[in-house]
C-alpha atoms as a PDB file:
ATOM      1  CA  UNK A   1      -0.003   0.008  -0.004  1.00  0.00           C
ATOM      2  CA  UNK A   2       1.223   3.429  -0.946  1.00  0.00           C
ATOM      3  CA  UNK A   3       1.503   6.242   1.452  1.00  0.00           C
ATOM      4  CA  UNK A   4      -1.731   7.781   2.340  1.00  0.00           C
ATOM      5  CA  UNK A   5      -1.155  11.282   1.041  1.00  0.00           C
ATOM      6  CA  UNK A   6      -0.102   9.898  -2.351  1.00  0.00           C
ATOM      7  CA  UNK A   7      -2.724   7.282  -2.721  1.00  0.00           C
ATOM      8  CA  UNK A   8      -5.268   9.799  -1.670  1.00  0.00           C
ATOM      9  CA  UNK A   9      -4.286  12.454  -4.069  1.00  0.00           C
ATOM     10  CA  UNK A  10      -4.462  10.125  -7.108  1.00  0.00           C
ATOM     11  CA  UNK A  11      -7.781   8.798  -5.926  1.00  0.00           C
ATOM     12  CA  UNK A  12      -9.241  11.979  -5.365  1.00  0.00           C
ATOM     13  CA  UNK A  13      -7.964  13.332  -8.653  1.00  0.00           C
ATOM     14  CA  UNK A  14      -9.239  10.225 -10.556  1.00  0.00           C
ATOM     15  CA  UNK A  15     -12.749  10.861  -9.190  1.00  0.00           C
ATOM     16  CA  UNK A  16     -12.542  14.595 -10.055  1.00  0.00           C
ATOM     17  CA  UNK A  17     -11.374  13.682 -13.538  1.00  0.00           C
ATOM     18  CA  UNK A  18     -14.315  11.703 -14.072  1.00  0.00           C
ATOM     19  CA  UNK A  19     -16.410  14.745 -14.137  1.00  0.00           C
ATOM     20  CA  UNK A  20     -14.236  16.534 -16.780  1.00  0.00           C
ATOM     21  CA  UNK A  21     -15.999  14.472 -19.453  1.00  0.00           C
ATOM     22  CA  UNK A  22     -18.130  17.514 -20.343  1.00  0.00           C
ATOM     23  CA  UNK A  23     -16.677  20.784 -22.095  1.00  0.00           C
ATOM     24  CA  UNK A  24     -19.360  23.071 -21.391  1.00  0.00           C
ATOM     25  CA  UNK A  25     -18.676  26.322 -19.049  1.00  0.00           C
ATOM     26  CA  UNK A  26     -20.387  28.331 -16.476  1.00  0.00           C
ATOM     27  CA  UNK A  27     -19.495  30.709 -13.574  1.00  0.00           C
ATOM     28  CA  UNK A  28     -21.760  29.210 -10.947  1.00  0.00           C
ATOM     29  CA  UNK A  29     -21.562  25.579  -9.743  1.00  0.00           C
ATOM     30  CA  UNK A  30     -25.117  23.710  -9.427  1.00  0.00           C
ATOM     31  CA  UNK A  31     -23.368  20.763  -7.966  1.00  0.00           C
ATOM     32  CA  UNK A  32     -22.818  20.459  -4.210  1.00  0.00           C
ATOM     33  CA  UNK A  33     -20.255  18.470  -2.093  1.00  0.00           C
ATOM     34  CA  UNK A  34     -23.012  16.366  -0.825  1.00  0.00           C
ATOM     35  CA  UNK A  35     -23.992  15.414  -4.403  1.00  0.00           C
ATOM     36  CA  UNK A  36     -20.287  14.280  -5.217  1.00  0.00           C
ATOM     37  CA  UNK A  37     -20.065  12.346  -1.906  1.00  0.00           C
ATOM     38  CA  UNK A  38     -23.498  10.548  -2.715  1.00  0.00           C
ATOM     39  CA  UNK A  39     -22.499   9.633  -6.175  1.00  0.00           C
ATOM     40  CA  UNK A  40     -19.051   8.365  -5.177  1.00  0.00           C
ATOM     41  CA  UNK A  41     -19.691   6.598  -1.940  1.00  0.00           C
ATOM     42  CA  UNK A  42     -20.302   3.228  -3.506  1.00  0.00           C
ATOM     43  CA  UNK A  43     -16.602   3.459  -4.902  1.00  0.00           C
ATOM     44  CA  UNK A  44     -14.911   3.794  -1.461  1.00  0.00           C
ATOM     45  CA  UNK A  45     -14.840   0.322  -0.398  1.00  0.00           C
ATOM     46  CA  UNK A  46     -13.684  -0.925  -3.701  1.00  0.00           C
ATOM     47  CA  UNK A  47     -10.944   1.634  -4.125  1.00  0.00           C
ATOM     48  CA  UNK A  48      -9.634   1.005  -0.636  1.00  0.00           C
ATOM     49  CA  UNK A  49      -9.732  -2.864  -0.560  1.00  0.00           C
ATOM     50  CA  UNK A  50     -11.047  -4.108  -3.870  1.00  0.00           C
ATOM     51  CA  UNK A  51      -9.933  -5.869  -6.770  1.00  0.00           C
ATOM     52  CA  UNK A  52     -10.839  -6.595 -10.401  1.00  0.00           C
ATOM     53  CA  UNK A  53     -13.927  -4.899 -11.815  1.00  0.00           C
ATOM     54  CA  UNK A  54     -15.593  -2.131  -9.620  1.00  0.00           C
ATOM     55  CA  UNK A  55     -19.122  -2.957  -8.381  1.00  0.00           C
ATOM     56  CA  UNK A  56     -22.034  -1.710 -10.667  1.00  0.00           C
ATOM     57  CA  UNK A  57     -23.103   0.949  -8.110  1.00  0.00           C
ATOM     58  CA  UNK A  58     -19.558   2.477  -8.279  1.00  0.00           C
ATOM     59  CA  UNK A  59     -19.671   2.678 -12.018  1.00  0.00           C
ATOM     60  CA  UNK A  60     -23.217   4.153 -11.764  1.00  0.00           C
ATOM     61  CA  UNK A  61     -22.166   6.737  -9.402  1.00  0.00           C
ATOM     62  CA  UNK A  62     -19.037   7.853 -11.339  1.00  0.00           C
ATOM     63  CA  UNK A  63     -21.131   8.197 -14.411  1.00  0.00           C
ATOM     64  CA  UNK A  64     -23.745   9.969 -12.713  1.00  0.00           C
ATOM     65  CA  UNK A  65     -21.298  12.360 -11.243  1.00  0.00           C
ATOM     66  CA  UNK A  66     -19.769  12.779 -14.814  1.00  0.00           C
ATOM     67  CA  UNK A  67     -23.186  13.838 -16.175  1.00  0.00           C
ATOM     68  CA  UNK A  68     -24.094  16.124 -13.204  1.00  0.00           C
ATOM     69  CA  UNK A  69     -20.824  18.102 -13.372  1.00  0.00           C
ATOM     70  CA  UNK A  70     -21.497  19.562 -16.810  1.00  0.00           C
ATOM     71  CA  UNK A  71     -20.014  23.047 -16.252  1.00  0.00           C
ATOM     72  CA  UNK A  72     -16.624  24.351 -15.414  1.00  0.00           C
ATOM     73  CA  UNK A  73     -17.785  25.598 -12.075  1.00  0.00           C
ATOM     74  CA  UNK A  74     -19.426  22.205 -11.366  1.00  0.00           C
ATOM     75  CA  UNK A  75     -16.114  20.410 -12.297  1.00  0.00           C
ATOM     76  CA  UNK A  76     -13.936  22.721  -9.942  1.00  0.00           C
ATOM     77  CA  UNK A  77     -16.457  22.219  -7.221  1.00  0.00           C
ATOM     78  CA  UNK A  78     -16.464  18.512  -7.581  1.00  0.00           C
ATOM     79  CA  UNK A  79     -12.695  18.489  -7.569  1.00  0.00           C
ATOM     80  CA  UNK A  80     -12.198  20.593  -4.465  1.00  0.00           C
ATOM     81  CA  UNK A  81     -14.969  18.354  -2.683  1.00  0.00           C
ATOM     82  CA  UNK A  82     -13.177  15.235  -3.794  1.00  0.00           C
ATOM     83  CA  UNK A  83      -9.764  16.378  -2.617  1.00  0.00           C
ATOM     84  CA  UNK A  84     -11.148  17.400   0.707  1.00  0.00           C
ATOM     85  CA  UNK A  85     -13.168  14.125   1.350  1.00  0.00           C
ATOM     86  CA  UNK A  86     -10.332  12.126   0.213  1.00  0.00           C
ATOM     87  CA  UNK A  87      -7.890  13.250   2.931  1.00  0.00           C
ATOM     88  CA  UNK A  88      -9.484  10.760   5.203  1.00  0.00           C
ATOM     89  CA  UNK A  89      -9.257   7.856   3.046  1.00  0.00           C
ATOM     90  CA  UNK A  90      -6.510   5.463   1.762  1.00  0.00           C
ATOM     91  CA  UNK A  91      -7.117   4.391  -1.802  1.00  0.00           C
ATOM     92  CA  UNK A  92      -5.366   1.923  -3.886  1.00  0.00           C
ATOM     93  CA  UNK A  93      -4.003   4.204  -6.660  1.00  0.00           C
ATOM     94  CA  UNK A  94      -3.815   1.371  -9.375  1.00  0.00           C
ATOM     95  CA  UNK A  95      -7.679   0.755  -8.876  1.00  0.00           C
ATOM     96  CA  UNK A  96      -8.327   4.567  -8.996  1.00  0.00           C
ATOM     97  CA  UNK A  97      -6.442   4.836 -12.086  1.00  0.00           C
ATOM     98  CA  UNK A  98      -8.225   1.931 -13.772  1.00  0.00           C
ATOM     99  CA  UNK A  99     -11.775   2.910 -12.728  1.00  0.00           C
ATOM    100  CA  UNK A 100     -12.654   4.978 -15.806  1.00  0.00           C
ATOM    101  CA  UNK A 101     -11.854   2.269 -18.303  1.00  0.00           C
ATOM    102  CA  UNK A 102     -13.399  -0.553 -15.794  1.00  0.00           C
ATOM    103  CA  UNK A 103     -16.504   1.617 -15.831  1.00  0.00           C
ATOM    104  CA  UNK A 104     -16.413   2.313 -19.525  1.00  0.00           C
ATOM    105  CA  UNK A 105     -15.794   6.006 -19.158  1.00  0.00           C
ATOM    106  CA  UNK A 106     -13.179   7.453 -21.615  1.00  0.00           C
ATOM    107  CA  UNK A 107     -11.095  10.202 -20.404  1.00  0.00           C
ATOM    108  CA  UNK A 108      -9.016  12.606 -22.632  1.00  0.00           C
ATOM    109  CA  UNK A 109      -6.098  13.117 -20.354  1.00  0.00           C
ATOM    110  CA  UNK A 110      -3.729  11.360 -18.124  1.00  0.00           C
ATOM    111  CA  UNK A 111      -4.707  10.856 -14.547  1.00  0.00           C
ATOM    112  CA  UNK A 112      -2.015  12.673 -12.253  1.00  0.00           C
ATOM    113  CA  UNK A 113      -1.821  13.674  -8.753  1.00  0.00           C
ATOM    114  CA  UNK A 114      -0.646  17.141 -10.039  1.00  0.00           C
ATOM    115  CA  UNK A 115      -3.933  18.171 -11.209  1.00  0.00           C
ATOM    116  CA  UNK A 116      -4.833  21.766 -10.067  1.00  0.00           C
ATOM    117  CA  UNK A 117      -8.593  22.333  -9.292  1.00  0.00           C
ATOM    118  CA  UNK A 118      -8.183  25.807 -10.158  1.00  0.00           C
ATOM    119  CA  UNK A 119      -7.305  24.977 -13.725  1.00  0.00           C
ATOM    120  CA  UNK A 120     -10.134  22.619 -14.667  1.00  0.00           C
ATOM    121  CA  UNK A 121     -11.910  24.094 -17.486  1.00  0.00           C
END
């Protein structure tokens, strides 16, 4: 298992990056941290101690969050919520990195712990 801060950063950023699927822009977020947490809660156990394919509820939540975060403000809000929530979790970074492909979601970028939420567009 990797160090908590490294694993948490990768997992938090992975989940954030799921919401970057939409390219529209807005200045006011319609999504809340409670929405983000609710959608991604089914993934926590899998990302912490799972293996193989994620459970269907996890993929459903990740896809729901990707659909809900349709504006730049939503994506930035989701990123910050995930980073904040992830501080209390220890996640397997390899599962986090594989989550998009395992859930049938394509991402046009590389998942990185260096993602800056303020630069999400």
